[in-house]
Amino acid sequence: MVHPRPTLVVVRPVLVYTASRLLLFALTAGVLYLVGARSFLLLILAFLISGLLSWRLLGRQRAEMARTVEQRVARTRAAMAERTAVEDAADDARREAEEGPQP
């Protein structure tokens, strides 16, 4: 069985959440720049503040992304289990053919 490539339905929640986080970081950094933060302090504050804001504001997007990732992992695990079972059956059949009939 060939594992299908990720489709936009699978990737979209991840892209939306990531883009939202980046946008929130850029907006926070811009506001901090306007109020006088510069250099390393600007980056640290923007990182911390945008992280806290995203925790509060992007909960729905984060949950959707997590659900999508969990479903993808479950499908991958199921496909791996199926391939393992097929491989084990083929290996058992090969061993029985090599050993011949058992008395």
N, C-alpha and C. Protein backbone atom coordinates (compact mmCIF):
# COMPACT_ATOMS: atom_id res chain seq x y z
N MET A 1 0.83 -1.17 0.00
CA MET A 1 0.00 0.00 0.00
C MET A 1 0.88 1.24 0.00
N VAL A 2 0.65 2.15 -0.91
CA VAL A 2 1.41 3.38 -1.01
C VAL A 2 0.78 4.42 -0.08
N HIS A 3 1.62 5.03 0.73
CA HIS A 3 1.12 6.03 1.68
C HIS A 3 0.87 7.32 0.92
N PRO A 4 -0.35 7.88 1.01
CA PRO A 4 -0.66 9.10 0.26
C PRO A 4 0.13 10.29 0.77
N ARG A 5 0.39 11.22 -0.16
CA ARG A 5 1.08 12.44 0.21
C ARG A 5 0.14 13.33 1.01
N PRO A 6 0.72 14.18 1.85
CA PRO A 6 -0.14 15.11 2.60
C PRO A 6 -0.90 16.03 1.65
N THR A 7 -2.16 16.19 1.91
CA THR A 7 -2.98 17.08 1.09
C THR A 7 -3.15 18.40 1.81
N LEU A 8 -3.74 19.36 1.13
CA LEU A 8 -3.98 20.66 1.74
C LEU A 8 -4.87 20.53 2.97
N VAL A 9 -5.78 19.57 2.95
CA VAL A 9 -6.67 19.36 4.11
C VAL A 9 -5.85 18.98 5.34
N VAL A 10 -4.80 18.21 5.14
CA VAL A 10 -3.95 17.77 6.24
C VAL A 10 -3.00 18.89 6.66
N VAL A 11 -2.44 19.59 5.69
CA VAL A 11 -1.41 20.59 5.96
C VAL A 11 -1.98 21.94 6.38
N ARG A 12 -3.18 22.26 5.96
CA ARG A 12 -3.75 23.58 6.17
C ARG A 12 -3.76 24.03 7.64
N PRO A 13 -4.24 23.23 8.60
CA PRO A 13 -4.23 23.70 9.99
C PRO A 13 -2.82 24.02 10.50
N VAL A 14 -1.84 23.26 10.07
CA VAL A 14 -0.46 23.52 10.48
C VAL A 14 0.02 24.84 9.89
N LEU A 15 -0.29 25.07 8.62
CA LEU A 15 0.11 26.32 7.98
C LEU A 15 -0.59 27.52 8.60
N VAL A 16 -1.88 27.40 8.89
CA VAL A 16 -2.63 28.50 9.49
C VAL A 16 -2.06 28.84 10.86
N TYR A 17 -1.80 27.85 11.68
CA TYR A 17 -1.27 28.10 13.02
C TYR A 17 0.12 28.73 12.95
N THR A 18 0.98 28.18 12.10
CA THR A 18 2.34 28.70 11.97
C THR A 18 2.33 30.13 11.46
N ALA A 19 1.54 30.41 10.43
CA ALA A 19 1.45 31.76 9.89
C ALA A 19 0.89 32.73 10.94
N SER A 20 -0.07 32.28 11.71
CA SER A 20 -0.65 33.13 12.76
C SER A 20 0.38 33.44 13.83
N ARG A 21 1.18 32.45 14.21
CA ARG A 21 2.24 32.68 15.20
C ARG A 21 3.27 33.66 14.69
N LEU A 22 3.67 33.49 13.42
CA LEU A 22 4.65 34.41 12.84
C LEU A 22 4.11 35.83 12.75
N LEU A 23 2.86 35.96 12.34
CA LEU A 23 2.24 37.28 12.25
C LEU A 23 2.14 37.93 13.63
N LEU A 24 1.76 37.16 14.62
CA LEU A 24 1.66 37.68 15.98
C LEU A 24 3.04 38.12 16.48
N PHE A 25 4.06 37.36 16.18
CA PHE A 25 5.43 37.73 16.56
C PHE A 25 5.84 39.03 15.88
N ALA A 26 5.57 39.14 14.57
CA ALA A 26 5.95 40.35 13.83
C ALA A 26 5.21 41.58 14.37
N LEU A 27 3.92 41.43 14.63
CA LEU A 27 3.15 42.55 15.18
C LEU A 27 3.66 42.96 16.57
N THR A 28 3.96 41.99 17.40
CA THR A 28 4.48 42.28 18.73
C THR A 28 5.84 42.98 18.63
N ALA A 29 6.70 42.47 17.75
CA ALA A 29 8.01 43.10 17.57
C ALA A 29 7.85 44.52 17.05
N GLY A 30 6.91 44.74 16.15
CA GLY A 30 6.68 46.09 15.63
C GLY A 30 6.23 47.06 16.70
N VAL A 31 5.30 46.62 17.53
CA VAL A 31 4.82 47.48 18.62
C VAL A 31 5.96 47.76 19.60
N LEU A 32 6.73 46.74 19.93
CA LEU A 32 7.84 46.95 20.86
C LEU A 32 8.89 47.89 20.27
N TYR A 33 9.12 47.79 18.98
CA TYR A 33 10.05 48.70 18.32
C TYR A 33 9.56 50.14 18.42
N LEU A 34 8.27 50.32 18.21
CA LEU A 34 7.69 51.67 18.29
C LEU A 34 7.78 52.27 19.69
N VAL A 35 7.76 51.42 20.72
CA VAL A 35 7.86 51.94 22.08
C VAL A 35 9.30 51.99 22.58
N GLY A 36 10.26 51.67 21.72
CA GLY A 36 11.66 51.89 22.07
C GLY A 36 12.51 50.67 22.32
N ALA A 37 11.97 49.49 22.26
CA ALA A 37 12.79 48.29 22.47
C ALA A 37 13.67 48.06 21.24
N ARG A 38 14.91 47.69 21.47
CA ARG A 38 15.84 47.48 20.36
C ARG A 38 16.68 46.22 20.61
N SER A 39 17.29 45.73 19.54
CA SER A 39 18.29 44.67 19.57
C SER A 39 17.77 43.39 20.25
N PHE A 40 18.62 42.83 21.11
CA PHE A 40 18.32 41.55 21.74
C PHE A 40 17.09 41.63 22.64
N LEU A 41 16.93 42.73 23.32
CA LEU A 41 15.78 42.93 24.19
C LEU A 41 14.48 42.87 23.38
N LEU A 42 14.49 43.47 22.21
CA LEU A 42 13.31 43.43 21.33
C LEU A 42 12.94 42.00 20.99
N LEU A 43 13.92 41.20 20.60
CA LEU A 43 13.64 39.81 20.22
C LEU A 43 13.14 38.98 21.40
N ILE A 44 13.77 39.14 22.55
CA ILE A 44 13.37 38.37 23.73
C ILE A 44 11.95 38.75 24.16
N LEU A 45 11.68 40.04 24.24
CA LEU A 45 10.34 40.48 24.65
C LEU A 45 9.28 40.07 23.62
N ALA A 46 9.59 40.23 22.35
CA ALA A 46 8.64 39.84 21.31
C ALA A 46 8.35 38.34 21.37
N PHE A 47 9.37 37.55 21.60
CA PHE A 47 9.20 36.10 21.71
C PHE A 47 8.30 35.75 22.89
N LEU A 48 8.60 36.33 24.04
CA LEU A 48 7.82 36.01 25.25
C LEU A 48 6.38 36.51 25.16
N ILE A 49 6.21 37.75 24.75
CA ILE A 49 4.87 38.33 24.70
C ILE A 49 4.02 37.65 23.62
N SER A 50 4.61 37.43 22.44
CA SER A 50 3.83 36.78 21.38
C SER A 50 3.49 35.34 21.76
N GLY A 51 4.37 34.67 22.51
CA GLY A 51 4.09 33.32 22.98
C GLY A 51 2.90 33.29 23.93
N LEU A 52 2.88 34.25 24.85
CA LEU A 52 1.74 34.34 25.78
C LEU A 52 0.45 34.71 25.04
N LEU A 53 0.54 35.66 24.12
CA LEU A 53 -0.64 36.04 23.36
C LEU A 53 -1.16 34.89 22.50
N SER A 54 -0.25 34.16 21.89
CA SER A 54 -0.69 33.05 21.04
C SER A 54 -1.34 31.96 21.86
N TRP A 55 -0.85 31.74 23.08
CA TRP A 55 -1.46 30.74 23.95
C TRP A 55 -2.93 31.09 24.21
N ARG A 56 -3.17 32.38 24.38
CA ARG A 56 -4.52 32.85 24.68
C ARG A 56 -5.38 32.99 23.42
N LEU A 57 -4.81 33.55 22.36
CA LEU A 57 -5.59 33.91 21.17
C LEU A 57 -5.70 32.80 20.12
N LEU A 58 -4.76 31.88 20.11
CA LEU A 58 -4.74 30.87 19.03
C LEU A 58 -5.07 29.47 19.54
N GLY A 59 -5.80 29.37 20.62
CA GLY A 59 -6.14 28.06 21.18
C GLY A 59 -6.92 27.18 20.22
N ARG A 60 -7.89 27.76 19.51
CA ARG A 60 -8.70 26.98 18.57
C ARG A 60 -7.84 26.45 17.42
N GLN A 61 -6.96 27.31 16.87
CA GLN A 61 -6.10 26.88 15.77
C GLN A 61 -5.11 25.81 16.24
N ARG A 62 -4.59 25.97 17.47
CA ARG A 62 -3.66 24.99 18.01
C ARG A 62 -4.34 23.64 18.20
N ALA A 63 -5.58 23.66 18.70
CA ALA A 63 -6.32 22.41 18.89
C ALA A 63 -6.61 21.73 17.56
N GLU A 64 -6.96 22.50 16.55
CA GLU A 64 -7.22 21.93 15.22
C GLU A 64 -5.94 21.33 14.63
N MET A 65 -4.82 22.03 14.81
CA MET A 65 -3.56 21.50 14.31
C MET A 65 -3.20 20.21 15.03
N ALA A 66 -3.37 20.18 16.34
CA ALA A 66 -3.05 18.98 17.12
C ALA A 66 -3.93 17.82 16.69
N ARG A 67 -5.22 18.08 16.47
CA ARG A 67 -6.14 17.02 16.04
C ARG A 67 -5.70 16.46 14.68
N THR A 68 -5.32 17.34 13.78
CA THR A 68 -4.89 16.93 12.45
C THR A 68 -3.61 16.09 12.52
N VAL A 69 -2.66 16.52 13.34
CA VAL A 69 -1.40 15.79 13.49
C VAL A 69 -1.67 14.42 14.12
N GLU A 70 -2.51 14.37 15.14
CA GLU A 70 -2.84 13.09 15.78
C GLU A 70 -3.49 12.12 14.80
N GLN A 71 -4.39 12.62 13.97
CA GLN A 71 -5.04 11.76 12.97
C GLN A 71 -4.00 11.23 11.97
N ARG A 72 -3.10 12.09 11.55
CA ARG A 72 -2.07 11.69 10.60
C ARG A 72 -1.17 10.61 11.21
N VAL A 73 -0.79 10.79 12.47
CA VAL A 73 0.04 9.80 13.16
C VAL A 73 -0.70 8.48 13.28
N ALA A 74 -1.98 8.51 13.61
CA ALA A 74 -2.77 7.29 13.74
C ALA A 74 -2.85 6.55 12.40
N ARG A 75 -3.07 7.30 11.32
CA ARG A 75 -3.11 6.66 9.99
C ARG A 75 -1.77 6.06 9.63
N THR A 76 -0.69 6.75 9.96
CA THR A 76 0.64 6.24 9.66
C THR A 76 0.92 4.97 10.45
N ARG A 77 0.55 4.97 11.72
CA ARG A 77 0.75 3.77 12.55
C ARG A 77 -0.07 2.59 12.04
N ALA A 78 -1.31 2.85 11.63
CA ALA A 78 -2.15 1.78 11.09
C ALA A 78 -1.55 1.22 9.80
N ALA A 79 -1.04 2.10 8.95
CA ALA A 79 -0.44 1.64 7.70
C ALA A 79 0.83 0.83 7.98
N MET A 80 1.60 1.25 8.97
CA MET A 80 2.81 0.50 9.33
C MET A 80 2.45 -0.88 9.88
N ALA A 81 1.41 -0.95 10.71
CA ALA A 81 0.98 -2.23 11.26
C ALA A 81 0.50 -3.15 10.15
N GLU A 82 -0.23 -2.59 9.18
CA GLU A 82 -0.70 -3.39 8.05
C GLU A 82 0.47 -3.93 7.23
N ARG A 83 1.44 -3.07 6.94
CA ARG A 83 2.61 -3.52 6.18
C ARG A 83 3.40 -4.57 6.94
N THR A 84 3.51 -4.40 8.27
CA THR A 84 4.23 -5.38 9.09
C THR A 84 3.52 -6.73 9.05
N ALA A 85 2.20 -6.73 9.14
CA ALA A 85 1.44 -7.99 9.10
C ALA A 85 1.62 -8.69 7.76
N VAL A 86 1.58 -7.94 6.67
CA VAL A 86 1.78 -8.53 5.34
C VAL A 86 3.19 -9.10 5.22
N GLU A 87 4.16 -8.34 5.70
CA GLU A 87 5.55 -8.81 5.64
C GLU A 87 5.75 -10.06 6.50
N ASP A 88 5.16 -10.07 7.69
CA ASP A 88 5.28 -11.25 8.56
C ASP A 88 4.65 -12.48 7.92
N ALA A 89 3.49 -12.30 7.30
CA ALA A 89 2.83 -13.43 6.64
C ALA A 89 3.67 -13.95 5.50
N ALA A 90 4.26 -13.05 4.72
CA ALA A 90 5.12 -13.48 3.60
C ALA A 90 6.36 -14.19 4.13
N ASP A 91 6.93 -13.69 5.22
CA ASP A 91 8.11 -14.32 5.80
C ASP A 91 7.77 -15.70 6.35
N ASP A 92 6.63 -15.84 7.02
CA ASP A 92 6.20 -17.15 7.52
C ASP A 92 5.99 -18.14 6.38
N ALA A 93 5.37 -17.69 5.29
CA ALA A 93 5.14 -18.56 4.14
C ALA A 93 6.46 -19.00 3.52
N ARG A 94 7.43 -18.07 3.44
CA ARG A 94 8.73 -18.40 2.88
C ARG A 94 9.45 -19.43 3.75
N ARG A 95 9.38 -19.27 5.05
CA ARG A 95 10.03 -20.22 5.96
C ARG A 95 9.40 -21.61 5.87
N GLU A 96 8.07 -21.65 5.79
CA GLU A 96 7.40 -22.94 5.66
C GLU A 96 7.78 -23.62 4.36
N ALA A 97 7.92 -22.85 3.28
CA ALA A 97 8.29 -23.43 1.99
C ALA A 97 9.72 -23.95 2.03
N GLU A 98 10.61 -23.25 2.71
CA GLU A 98 12.02 -23.68 2.81
C GLU A 98 12.17 -24.93 3.69
N GLU A 99 11.41 -25.00 4.78
CA GLU A 99 11.54 -26.10 5.73
C GLU A 99 10.83 -27.36 5.24
N GLY A 100 9.88 -27.19 4.39
CA GLY A 100 9.11 -28.34 3.90
C GLY A 100 8.03 -28.73 4.88
N PRO A 101 7.29 -29.78 4.55
CA PRO A 101 6.19 -30.19 5.44
C PRO A 101 6.72 -30.72 6.76
N GLN A 102 6.01 -30.43 7.81
CA GLN A 102 6.39 -30.88 9.15
C GLN A 102 5.72 -32.22 9.44
N PRO A 103 6.48 -33.17 10.00
CA PRO A 103 5.90 -34.49 10.30
C PRO A 103 4.99 -34.47 11.50
